[in-house]
Protein backbone atom coordinates (compact mmCIF):
# COMPACT_ATOMS: atom_id res chain seq x y z
CA MET A 1 197.64 134.05 -34.31
CA SER A 2 198.62 133.95 -37.97
CA LEU A 3 202.28 133.57 -37.06
CA ILE A 4 201.52 130.61 -34.79
CA LEU A 5 199.48 128.92 -37.54
CA GLY A 6 202.30 129.63 -40.00
CA ILE A 7 204.83 128.03 -37.67
CA GLY A 8 202.50 125.04 -37.29
CA LEU A 9 202.25 124.73 -41.06
CA GLY A 10 206.04 124.94 -41.32
CA LEU A 11 206.49 122.16 -38.75
CA VAL A 12 204.03 119.87 -40.54
CA LEU A 13 205.70 120.49 -43.89
CA PHE A 14 209.16 120.03 -42.36
CA ALA A 15 208.13 116.65 -40.92
CA LEU A 16 206.94 115.61 -44.38
CA LEU A 17 210.19 116.86 -45.93
CA TRP A 18 212.09 114.15 -44.05
CA LEU A 19 210.12 111.50 -45.91
CA ASN A 20 212.07 112.44 -49.04
CA LEU A 21 215.21 111.12 -47.39
CA LEU A 22 213.47 107.78 -46.90
CA SER A 23 212.61 107.66 -50.62
CA LEU A 24 208.98 108.35 -49.79
CA PRO A 25 206.87 111.03 -51.49
CA GLY A 26 207.44 113.83 -48.97
CA ASN A 27 207.07 116.67 -51.47
CA TRP A 28 203.83 115.19 -52.78
CA LEU A 29 202.42 114.86 -49.26
CA MET A 30 203.35 118.51 -48.67
CA LEU A 31 201.30 119.34 -51.76
CA GLY A 32 198.43 117.37 -50.25
CA VAL A 33 198.57 119.56 -47.14
CA LEU A 34 198.65 122.68 -49.31
CA ALA A 35 195.67 121.38 -51.33
CA LEU A 36 193.73 120.87 -48.09
CA LEU A 37 194.55 124.45 -47.09
CA ALA A 38 193.46 125.72 -50.51
CA ALA A 39 190.17 123.87 -50.17
CA PHE A 40 189.38 124.32 -46.49
CA GLY A 41 191.87 126.79 -45.02
CA PRO A 42 191.56 130.51 -44.45
CA GLU A 43 190.44 132.08 -47.71
CA GLY A 44 193.12 133.64 -49.88
CA ARG A 45 196.17 132.40 -48.02
CA ILE A 46 196.93 129.27 -50.05
CA THR A 47 195.26 129.32 -53.46
CA TRP A 48 194.91 126.63 -56.09
CA GLY A 49 197.23 128.62 -58.33
CA PHE A 50 199.87 128.53 -55.62
CA VAL A 51 199.39 124.77 -55.20
CA GLY A 52 199.94 124.45 -58.95
CA GLN A 53 203.18 126.41 -58.72
CA MET A 54 204.38 124.22 -55.87
CA SER A 55 203.46 121.16 -57.96
CA LEU A 56 205.91 122.36 -60.59
CA LEU A 57 208.60 122.53 -57.90
CA ALA A 58 207.76 118.99 -56.77
CA ILE A 59 208.06 117.77 -60.36
CA LEU A 60 211.41 119.55 -60.62
CA GLY A 61 212.54 117.73 -57.47
CA GLU A 62 211.66 114.37 -59.03
CA ILE A 63 213.51 115.26 -62.21
CA ILE A 64 216.58 116.34 -60.23
CA GLU A 65 216.54 113.15 -58.17
CA PHE A 66 216.22 110.85 -61.16
CA ALA A 67 218.62 112.74 -63.42
CA ALA A 68 221.31 113.01 -60.74
CA GLN A 69 221.34 109.27 -60.20
CA LEU A 70 221.47 108.55 -63.92
CA ILE A 71 224.18 111.13 -64.58
CA GLY A 72 226.19 109.97 -61.56
CA GLY A 73 226.10 106.39 -62.74
CA LYS A 74 226.97 107.40 -66.29
CA ARG A 75 229.93 109.49 -65.09
CA GLY A 76 231.10 106.48 -63.12
CA GLY A 77 230.97 104.41 -66.28
CA ALA A 78 227.70 102.57 -65.68
CA SER A 79 225.81 101.13 -68.62
CA ARG A 80 222.09 101.73 -69.09
CA ALA A 81 221.47 98.37 -67.48
CA GLY A 82 223.77 99.28 -64.59
CA ASN A 83 221.96 102.56 -64.09
CA PHE A 84 218.63 100.72 -64.10
CA GLY A 85 220.05 98.32 -61.52
CA GLY A 86 221.09 101.30 -59.41
CA VAL A 87 217.60 102.81 -59.54
CA VAL A 88 215.91 99.51 -58.69
CA GLY A 89 218.47 98.79 -55.98
CA SER A 90 217.95 102.22 -54.50
CA ILE A 91 214.19 101.74 -54.24
CA ALA A 92 214.58 98.24 -52.80
CA GLY A 93 217.24 99.41 -50.35
CA ALA A 94 215.09 102.29 -49.14
CA ILE A 95 212.15 99.97 -48.54
CA LEU A 96 214.22 97.31 -46.79
CA GLY A 97 216.17 99.85 -44.73
CA ALA A 98 213.21 101.98 -43.64
CA PRO A 99 212.30 99.91 -40.54
CA PHE A 100 215.76 100.46 -39.04
CA GLY A 101 217.16 103.44 -37.18
CA LEU A 102 213.78 105.13 -36.70
CA GLY A 103 213.33 105.21 -40.46
CA LEU A 104 216.76 106.66 -41.16
CA GLY A 105 217.85 103.24 -42.35
CA GLY A 106 215.95 104.09 -45.52
CA ILE A 107 218.61 106.65 -46.42
CA VAL A 108 221.43 104.18 -45.92
CA GLY A 109 219.39 101.53 -47.71
CA ALA A 110 218.74 103.78 -50.70
CA LEU A 111 222.40 104.69 -51.04
CA PHE A 112 223.67 101.17 -50.43
CA GLY A 113 220.98 99.79 -52.75
CA ALA A 114 222.03 102.14 -55.55
CA TRP A 115 225.62 100.98 -55.13
CA MET A 116 224.76 97.28 -54.94
CA GLY A 117 222.19 97.34 -57.74
CA CYS A 118 224.60 98.98 -60.14
CA PHE A 119 227.51 96.80 -59.06
CA ILE A 120 225.59 93.53 -59.43
CA VAL A 121 224.25 94.40 -62.87
CA GLU A 122 227.65 95.53 -64.10
CA ARG A 123 229.26 92.30 -62.87
CA LEU A 124 226.50 90.29 -64.55
CA ARG A 125 227.39 92.15 -67.74
CA GLN A 126 230.91 90.73 -67.40
CA GLU A 127 232.54 94.05 -66.47
CA THR A 128 235.71 93.82 -64.42
CA HIS A 129 235.46 94.17 -60.67
CA ARG A 130 237.22 97.53 -60.86
CA GLN A 131 234.87 98.89 -63.55
CA ALA A 132 231.80 97.66 -61.67
CA VAL A 133 232.99 99.30 -58.45
CA GLN A 134 233.66 102.58 -60.24
CA ALA A 135 230.20 102.53 -61.86
CA ALA A 136 228.60 101.66 -58.51
CA TRP A 137 230.29 104.62 -56.82
CA GLY A 138 228.95 106.84 -59.57
CA ALA A 139 225.43 105.55 -58.89
CA PHE A 140 225.95 106.06 -55.14
CA TRP A 141 227.09 109.67 -55.48
CA GLY A 142 224.43 110.41 -58.06
CA ARG A 143 221.75 109.09 -55.71
CA SER A 144 223.23 111.16 -52.88
CA LEU A 145 223.07 114.35 -54.94
CA GLY A 146 219.58 113.44 -56.12
CA LEU A 147 218.35 113.15 -52.53
CA VAL A 148 219.88 116.51 -51.70
CA GLY A 149 218.30 118.12 -54.78
CA LYS A 150 214.86 116.71 -54.05
CA ALA A 151 215.09 117.77 -50.40
CA ALA A 152 216.20 121.25 -51.50
CA THR A 153 213.11 121.67 -53.67
CA GLY A 154 211.03 120.52 -50.70
CA ALA A 155 212.71 123.16 -48.53
CA VAL A 156 211.82 125.80 -51.11
CA ILE A 157 208.20 124.61 -51.00
CA ILE A 158 208.21 125.01 -47.22
CA VAL A 159 209.71 128.50 -47.24
CA MET A 160 207.41 129.75 -49.97
CA SER A 161 204.31 128.19 -48.37
CA VAL A 162 204.91 129.49 -44.86
CA THR A 163 205.85 132.93 -46.21
CA ARG A 164 202.67 133.07 -48.29
CA PHE A 165 200.49 131.77 -45.47
CA VAL A 166 201.75 134.36 -43.00
CA SER A 167 201.92 137.30 -45.44
CA GLN A 168 198.39 136.74 -46.80
CA ALA A 169 196.90 136.95 -43.31
CA ALA A 170 196.62 140.73 -43.36
């Protein structure tokens, strides 16, 4: 029975993991599920200390996501303002794209938004078209790597949570 409950937990957490790709707080919702298990679940399987450790991983995921986009834009030659435009564009793109493609439009929207936001700001700063495009591609690739990094920390949360839930059943 413990294995079945562990698989169920894994499926719920995996479904929430996909929200990260839509620029939604998937890792934080996973923590919410773990907090509910710590409070109301089988005693000793998921503890508050464990939820705290997973919170540190979720924070790490946010840092990776944000830093990757900033570093990507910087490596592409984006200014601070261009990087800010990429971040704002990414958020706006994810929100505007989310209703399309069963929610997967949020991924495309976030990436396209990062590119467009950075590009527009760099052009407004009187950068050449070529420089603005290069900076925008940096923001795009940085956002891409940031999404992967955040999703990877979410995957670690899932593996550690399911492993703990099943192994503590004895």
